Amino acid sequence: MDIEEFRKYCLSLGDVSEKMPFGKFAARYDSILAFYVYGHMFCFIDIDNFTFVNVKSTSDEIEYIKERHVSVGNPINQSLKHWLQLNFDGDIPDTSIYTWVQRAFEIVRDKYTKPTTHKKECSKPEL
């Protein structure tokens, strides 16, 4: 997997921004690049050690992936219940990693998308 290709893919998902937010907490996290939708993180990578991606997920999906693949790990400083680390040089094909990144994007996007309400126009009955 190529880091620039991965970055372009994430940015192509729509309403995505990127930040390097963790360096202010500890210098060892200066190289963490996070991708956000509506201001909320859905995945992140280490640009100095591009060997994995951490993705937002659901408990059921995390269990599903862990049952089928050995190249998964615990996410860096994130909840084990909501985040999963996918290792690039393992048994998960790049196409599947892109699918899980898209799924992470959808989870976060859908959580923070406000439902549209349609106001019904009521006509007054003629008297």
N, C-alpha and C. Protein backbone atom coordinates (compact mmCIF):
# COMPACT_ATOMS: atom_id res chain seq x y z
N MET A 1 0.85 -1.17 0.00
CA MET A 1 0.00 0.00 0.00
C MET A 1 0.90 1.23 0.00
N ASP A 2 0.50 2.22 -0.75
CA ASP A 2 1.25 3.47 -0.89
C ASP A 2 0.59 4.56 -0.05
N ILE A 3 1.37 5.30 0.70
CA ILE A 3 0.83 6.30 1.62
C ILE A 3 0.08 7.42 0.89
N GLU A 4 0.60 7.88 -0.24
CA GLU A 4 -0.09 8.95 -0.98
C GLU A 4 -1.41 8.46 -1.57
N GLU A 5 -1.40 7.23 -2.06
CA GLU A 5 -2.63 6.63 -2.59
C GLU A 5 -3.67 6.51 -1.48
N PHE A 6 -3.22 6.08 -0.31
CA PHE A 6 -4.12 5.94 0.84
C PHE A 6 -4.69 7.30 1.23
N ARG A 7 -3.84 8.30 1.31
CA ARG A 7 -4.26 9.65 1.69
C ARG A 7 -5.29 10.18 0.69
N LYS A 8 -5.02 10.04 -0.59
CA LYS A 8 -5.95 10.51 -1.62
C LYS A 8 -7.29 9.79 -1.51
N TYR A 9 -7.25 8.50 -1.22
CA TYR A 9 -8.49 7.75 -1.06
C TYR A 9 -9.32 8.34 0.08
N CYS A 10 -8.68 8.53 1.23
CA CYS A 10 -9.41 9.07 2.39
C CYS A 10 -10.02 10.43 2.08
N LEU A 11 -9.24 11.29 1.45
CA LEU A 11 -9.73 12.64 1.14
C LEU A 11 -10.83 12.63 0.09
N SER A 12 -10.91 11.57 -0.70
CA SER A 12 -11.93 11.48 -1.76
C SER A 12 -13.30 11.07 -1.23
N LEU A 13 -13.39 10.68 0.02
CA LEU A 13 -14.66 10.17 0.55
C LEU A 13 -15.70 11.26 0.74
N GLY A 14 -15.32 12.50 0.78
CA GLY A 14 -16.28 13.60 0.86
C GLY A 14 -16.32 14.22 2.24
N ASP A 15 -16.22 15.55 2.29
CA ASP A 15 -16.23 16.30 3.55
C ASP A 15 -15.16 15.83 4.52
N VAL A 16 -14.02 15.38 3.99
CA VAL A 16 -12.94 14.86 4.83
C VAL A 16 -11.84 15.91 4.96
N SER A 17 -11.34 16.04 6.17
CA SER A 17 -10.18 16.89 6.42
C SER A 17 -9.11 16.05 7.10
N GLU A 18 -7.90 16.55 7.10
CA GLU A 18 -6.80 15.83 7.73
C GLU A 18 -6.08 16.75 8.70
N LYS A 19 -5.61 16.18 9.79
CA LYS A 19 -4.89 16.95 10.82
C LYS A 19 -3.84 16.04 11.45
N MET A 20 -2.89 16.69 12.09
CA MET A 20 -1.89 15.97 12.88
C MET A 20 -2.06 16.46 14.32
N PRO A 21 -3.07 15.95 15.02
CA PRO A 21 -3.49 16.55 16.29
C PRO A 21 -2.77 16.07 17.55
N PHE A 22 -2.01 15.01 17.47
CA PHE A 22 -1.52 14.40 18.70
C PHE A 22 -0.15 14.86 19.16
N GLY A 23 0.59 15.57 18.34
CA GLY A 23 1.92 16.03 18.71
C GLY A 23 1.92 16.94 19.91
N LYS A 24 0.82 17.64 20.13
CA LYS A 24 0.76 18.55 21.28
C LYS A 24 0.70 17.79 22.60
N PHE A 25 0.35 16.50 22.54
CA PHE A 25 0.28 15.70 23.76
C PHE A 25 1.60 15.01 24.07
N ALA A 26 2.27 14.54 23.04
CA ALA A 26 3.56 13.85 23.21
C ALA A 26 4.30 13.88 21.88
N ALA A 27 5.59 14.15 21.93
CA ALA A 27 6.39 14.26 20.70
C ALA A 27 6.36 12.98 19.88
N ARG A 28 6.21 11.83 20.54
CA ARG A 28 6.22 10.57 19.79
C ARG A 28 5.01 10.43 18.86
N TYR A 29 4.01 11.28 19.05
CA TYR A 29 2.81 11.23 18.20
C TYR A 29 2.80 12.32 17.13
N ASP A 30 3.92 13.00 16.93
CA ASP A 30 4.01 14.06 15.91
C ASP A 30 3.70 13.56 14.51
N SER A 31 3.92 12.29 14.26
CA SER A 31 3.77 11.76 12.90
C SER A 31 2.42 11.09 12.65
N ILE A 32 1.48 11.23 13.57
CA ILE A 32 0.15 10.64 13.39
C ILE A 32 -0.72 11.58 12.56
N LEU A 33 -1.18 11.08 11.43
CA LEU A 33 -2.06 11.84 10.54
C LEU A 33 -3.46 11.26 10.66
N ALA A 34 -4.41 12.10 11.08
CA ALA A 34 -5.78 11.66 11.30
C ALA A 34 -6.69 12.25 10.23
N PHE A 35 -7.70 11.47 9.87
CA PHE A 35 -8.69 11.89 8.88
C PHE A 35 -10.03 12.06 9.59
N TYR A 36 -10.71 13.16 9.27
CA TYR A 36 -11.95 13.54 9.95
C TYR A 36 -13.07 13.75 8.95
N VAL A 37 -14.27 13.45 9.39
CA VAL A 37 -15.47 13.83 8.66
C VAL A 37 -16.35 14.58 9.66
N TYR A 38 -16.83 15.74 9.27
CA TYR A 38 -17.62 16.62 10.15
C TYR A 38 -16.90 16.87 11.47
N GLY A 39 -15.58 16.98 11.42
CA GLY A 39 -14.81 17.29 12.61
C GLY A 39 -14.56 16.13 13.55
N HIS A 40 -14.90 14.91 13.14
CA HIS A 40 -14.74 13.73 13.99
C HIS A 40 -13.87 12.69 13.27
N MET A 41 -12.93 12.14 14.01
CA MET A 41 -11.95 11.23 13.44
C MET A 41 -12.58 9.89 13.05
N PHE A 42 -12.19 9.38 11.86
CA PHE A 42 -12.62 8.04 11.46
C PHE A 42 -11.46 7.09 11.21
N CYS A 43 -10.25 7.61 10.96
CA CYS A 43 -9.08 6.74 10.85
C CYS A 43 -7.82 7.57 11.00
N PHE A 44 -6.72 6.88 11.31
CA PHE A 44 -5.43 7.58 11.36
C PHE A 44 -4.28 6.63 11.08
N ILE A 45 -3.18 7.22 10.61
CA ILE A 45 -1.98 6.47 10.24
C ILE A 45 -0.76 7.17 10.85
N ASP A 46 0.35 6.46 10.84
CA ASP A 46 1.63 7.04 11.25
C ASP A 46 2.44 7.26 9.97
N ILE A 47 2.69 8.50 9.62
CA ILE A 47 3.37 8.77 8.34
C ILE A 47 4.85 8.39 8.37
N ASP A 48 5.43 8.23 9.55
CA ASP A 48 6.82 7.79 9.66
C ASP A 48 6.94 6.27 9.70
N ASN A 49 5.86 5.61 10.00
CA ASN A 49 5.83 4.15 10.10
C ASN A 49 4.53 3.66 9.47
N PHE A 50 4.44 3.78 8.16
CA PHE A 50 3.19 3.48 7.45
C PHE A 50 3.02 1.98 7.28
N THR A 51 2.69 1.31 8.37
CA THR A 51 2.51 -0.14 8.36
C THR A 51 1.12 -0.55 8.84
N PHE A 52 0.31 0.41 9.24
CA PHE A 52 -1.02 0.10 9.77
C PHE A 52 -1.93 1.32 9.63
N VAL A 53 -3.22 1.06 9.80
CA VAL A 53 -4.21 2.12 9.91
C VAL A 53 -5.11 1.75 11.08
N ASN A 54 -5.48 2.73 11.87
CA ASN A 54 -6.48 2.54 12.92
C ASN A 54 -7.80 3.07 12.39
N VAL A 55 -8.85 2.25 12.50
CA VAL A 55 -10.15 2.63 11.96
C VAL A 55 -11.22 2.56 13.05
N LYS A 56 -12.16 3.46 12.94
CA LYS A 56 -13.34 3.44 13.81
C LYS A 56 -14.21 2.29 13.35
N SER A 57 -14.84 1.59 14.28
CA SER A 57 -15.67 0.45 13.91
C SER A 57 -16.73 0.22 14.98
N THR A 58 -17.49 -0.83 14.80
CA THR A 58 -18.46 -1.24 15.81
C THR A 58 -17.92 -2.48 16.50
N SER A 59 -18.43 -2.77 17.66
CA SER A 59 -17.99 -3.96 18.40
C SER A 59 -18.17 -5.23 17.58
N ASP A 60 -19.31 -5.35 16.92
CA ASP A 60 -19.58 -6.54 16.10
C ASP A 60 -18.61 -6.66 14.93
N GLU A 61 -18.33 -5.55 14.28
CA GLU A 61 -17.41 -5.58 13.14
C GLU A 61 -15.98 -5.89 13.59
N ILE A 62 -15.58 -5.37 14.74
CA ILE A 62 -14.25 -5.66 15.27
C ILE A 62 -14.12 -7.15 15.53
N GLU A 63 -15.13 -7.73 16.15
CA GLU A 63 -15.12 -9.17 16.42
C GLU A 63 -15.05 -9.96 15.10
N TYR A 64 -15.83 -9.55 14.12
CA TYR A 64 -15.86 -10.21 12.81
C TYR A 64 -14.47 -10.20 12.16
N ILE A 65 -13.82 -9.05 12.15
CA ILE A 65 -12.50 -8.93 11.52
C ILE A 65 -11.47 -9.76 12.28
N LYS A 66 -11.51 -9.70 13.59
CA LYS A 66 -10.53 -10.45 14.40
C LYS A 66 -10.69 -11.96 14.23
N GLU A 67 -11.90 -12.42 14.00
CA GLU A 67 -12.14 -13.86 13.79
C GLU A 67 -11.57 -14.34 12.46
N ARG A 68 -11.45 -13.45 11.48
CA ARG A 68 -11.07 -13.84 10.13
C ARG A 68 -9.64 -13.48 9.74
N HIS A 69 -8.99 -12.62 10.51
CA HIS A 69 -7.66 -12.15 10.13
C HIS A 69 -6.73 -12.14 11.34
N VAL A 70 -5.46 -12.43 11.06
CA VAL A 70 -4.46 -12.39 12.13
C VAL A 70 -3.71 -11.06 12.15
N SER A 71 -3.76 -10.31 11.07
CA SER A 71 -3.00 -9.06 10.99
C SER A 71 -3.81 -7.87 11.48
N VAL A 72 -4.37 -8.02 12.67
CA VAL A 72 -5.07 -6.94 13.34
C VAL A 72 -4.42 -6.74 14.70
N GLY A 73 -4.55 -5.55 15.23
CA GLY A 73 -3.95 -5.27 16.52
C GLY A 73 -4.80 -4.29 17.30
N ASN A 74 -4.32 -3.98 18.48
CA ASN A 74 -5.00 -3.00 19.31
C ASN A 74 -4.61 -1.60 18.85
N PRO A 75 -5.56 -0.70 18.79
CA PRO A 75 -5.28 0.65 18.32
C PRO A 75 -4.43 1.44 19.31
N ILE A 76 -3.70 2.39 18.79
CA ILE A 76 -2.89 3.27 19.62
C ILE A 76 -3.80 4.22 20.39
N ASN A 77 -3.77 4.15 21.70
CA ASN A 77 -4.48 5.09 22.57
C ASN A 77 -5.95 5.30 22.21
N GLN A 78 -6.61 4.27 21.77
CA GLN A 78 -8.03 4.40 21.44
C GLN A 78 -8.80 3.27 22.11
N SER A 79 -10.08 3.40 22.17
CA SER A 79 -10.95 2.41 22.79
C SER A 79 -10.94 1.11 21.99
N LEU A 80 -10.71 0.00 22.69
CA LEU A 80 -10.74 -1.31 22.03
C LEU A 80 -12.14 -1.66 21.56
N LYS A 81 -13.13 -1.02 22.12
CA LYS A 81 -14.52 -1.30 21.77
C LYS A 81 -14.93 -0.63 20.45
N HIS A 82 -14.25 0.47 20.11
CA HIS A 82 -14.67 1.26 18.95
C HIS A 82 -13.60 1.43 17.88
N TRP A 83 -12.38 0.95 18.13
CA TRP A 83 -11.28 1.15 17.20
C TRP A 83 -10.53 -0.15 16.97
N LEU A 84 -9.94 -0.28 15.79
CA LEU A 84 -9.20 -1.48 15.41
C LEU A 84 -8.00 -1.08 14.56
N GLN A 85 -6.88 -1.75 14.81
CA GLN A 85 -5.69 -1.52 13.98
C GLN A 85 -5.60 -2.60 12.92
N LEU A 86 -5.50 -2.18 11.65
CA LEU A 86 -5.33 -3.10 10.53
C LEU A 86 -3.91 -2.96 10.02
N ASN A 87 -3.16 -4.05 10.03
CA ASN A 87 -1.77 -4.04 9.58
C ASN A 87 -1.71 -4.29 8.08
N PHE A 88 -0.92 -3.49 7.37
CA PHE A 88 -0.85 -3.56 5.92
C PHE A 88 -0.13 -4.80 5.40
N ASP A 89 0.90 -5.24 6.07
CA ASP A 89 1.71 -6.35 5.56
C ASP A 89 1.26 -7.69 6.12
N GLY A 90 -0.03 -7.93 6.12
CA GLY A 90 -0.55 -9.17 6.69
C GLY A 90 -1.50 -9.86 5.74
N ASP A 91 -2.50 -10.49 6.33
CA ASP A 91 -3.43 -11.29 5.55
C ASP A 91 -4.69 -10.54 5.12
N ILE A 92 -4.72 -9.23 5.31
CA ILE A 92 -5.87 -8.44 4.87
C ILE A 92 -5.51 -7.76 3.55
N PRO A 93 -6.21 -8.08 2.46
CA PRO A 93 -5.92 -7.45 1.17
C PRO A 93 -6.16 -5.93 1.23
N ASP A 94 -5.42 -5.20 0.42
CA ASP A 94 -5.59 -3.74 0.38
C ASP A 94 -7.03 -3.35 0.09
N THR A 95 -7.69 -4.10 -0.79
CA THR A 95 -9.08 -3.77 -1.12
C THR A 95 -9.98 -3.87 0.11
N SER A 96 -9.72 -4.84 0.97
CA SER A 96 -10.50 -4.98 2.20
C SER A 96 -10.18 -3.85 3.18
N ILE A 97 -8.92 -3.44 3.23
CA ILE A 97 -8.56 -2.32 4.11
C ILE A 97 -9.29 -1.07 3.66
N TYR A 98 -9.31 -0.82 2.35
CA TYR A 98 -10.05 0.34 1.84
C TYR A 98 -11.54 0.23 2.18
N THR A 99 -12.09 -0.96 2.12
CA THR A 99 -13.49 -1.17 2.47
C THR A 99 -13.74 -0.82 3.93
N TRP A 100 -12.83 -1.23 4.83
CA TRP A 100 -13.00 -0.95 6.26
C TRP A 100 -12.79 0.53 6.56
N VAL A 101 -11.92 1.19 5.80
CA VAL A 101 -11.75 2.64 5.96
C VAL A 101 -13.03 3.35 5.54
N GLN A 102 -13.62 2.92 4.43
CA GLN A 102 -14.88 3.52 3.98
C GLN A 102 -15.97 3.27 5.01
N ARG A 103 -16.00 2.08 5.58
CA ARG A 103 -16.99 1.77 6.61
C ARG A 103 -16.80 2.67 7.83
N ALA A 104 -15.54 2.91 8.23
CA ALA A 104 -15.25 3.80 9.35
C ALA A 104 -15.77 5.21 9.05
N PHE A 105 -15.52 5.66 7.83
CA PHE A 105 -16.02 6.96 7.39
C PHE A 105 -17.54 7.02 7.51
N GLU A 106 -18.22 5.97 7.04
CA GLU A 106 -19.69 5.94 7.07
C GLU A 106 -20.22 5.94 8.50
N ILE A 107 -19.57 5.19 9.39
CA ILE A 107 -20.01 5.14 10.79
C ILE A 107 -20.00 6.54 11.39
N VAL A 108 -18.89 7.25 11.20
CA VAL A 108 -18.75 8.58 11.79
C VAL A 108 -19.66 9.58 11.07
N ARG A 109 -19.67 9.54 9.75
CA ARG A 109 -20.52 10.46 8.98
C ARG A 109 -21.98 10.32 9.38
N ASP A 110 -22.44 9.08 9.44
CA ASP A 110 -23.85 8.84 9.75
C ASP A 110 -24.20 9.26 11.18
N LYS A 111 -23.25 9.12 12.08
CA LYS A 111 -23.50 9.52 13.47
C LYS A 111 -23.68 11.03 13.59
N TYR A 112 -22.96 11.78 12.78
CA TYR A 112 -22.98 13.24 12.91
C TYR A 112 -23.75 13.95 11.81
N THR A 113 -24.43 13.21 10.96
CA THR A 113 -25.28 13.81 9.95
C THR A 113 -26.65 14.06 10.58
N LYS A 114 -27.09 15.28 10.50
CA LYS A 114 -28.40 15.59 11.05
C LYS A 114 -29.46 15.15 10.06
N PRO A 115 -30.46 14.45 10.55
CA PRO A 115 -31.52 14.03 9.63
C PRO A 115 -32.25 15.25 9.07
N THR A 116 -32.58 15.17 7.81
CA THR A 116 -33.31 16.27 7.21
C THR A 116 -34.79 16.11 7.53
N THR A 117 -35.38 17.20 7.87
CA THR A 117 -36.81 17.17 8.15
C THR A 117 -37.51 17.95 7.05
N HIS A 118 -38.54 17.39 6.60
CA HIS A 118 -39.32 18.04 5.55
C HIS A 118 -40.59 18.59 6.20
N LYS A 119 -40.74 19.88 6.08
CA LYS A 119 -41.94 20.49 6.63
C LYS A 119 -43.07 20.29 5.63
N LYS A 120 -44.12 19.74 6.12
CA LYS A 120 -45.29 19.56 5.27
C LYS A 120 -46.08 20.86 5.27
N GLU A 121 -46.35 21.29 4.09
CA GLU A 121 -47.16 22.49 3.99
C GLU A 121 -48.62 22.09 4.02
N CYS A 122 -49.30 22.61 4.99
CA CYS A 122 -50.73 22.31 5.11
C CYS A 122 -51.51 23.47 4.51
N SER A 123 -52.39 23.12 3.64
CA SER A 123 -53.23 24.17 3.08
C SER A 123 -54.46 24.32 3.96
N LYS A 124 -54.86 25.55 4.11
CA LYS A 124 -56.03 25.81 4.93
C LYS A 124 -57.27 25.42 4.13
N PRO A 125 -58.17 24.75 4.79
CA PRO A 125 -59.39 24.39 4.07
C PRO A 125 -60.21 25.65 3.76
N GLU A 126 -60.82 25.60 2.61
CA GLU A 126 -61.66 26.74 2.24
C GLU A 126 -62.95 26.67 3.03
N LEU A 127 -63.38 27.82 3.51
CA LEU A 127 -64.62 27.88 4.28
C LEU A 127 -65.76 28.40 3.46
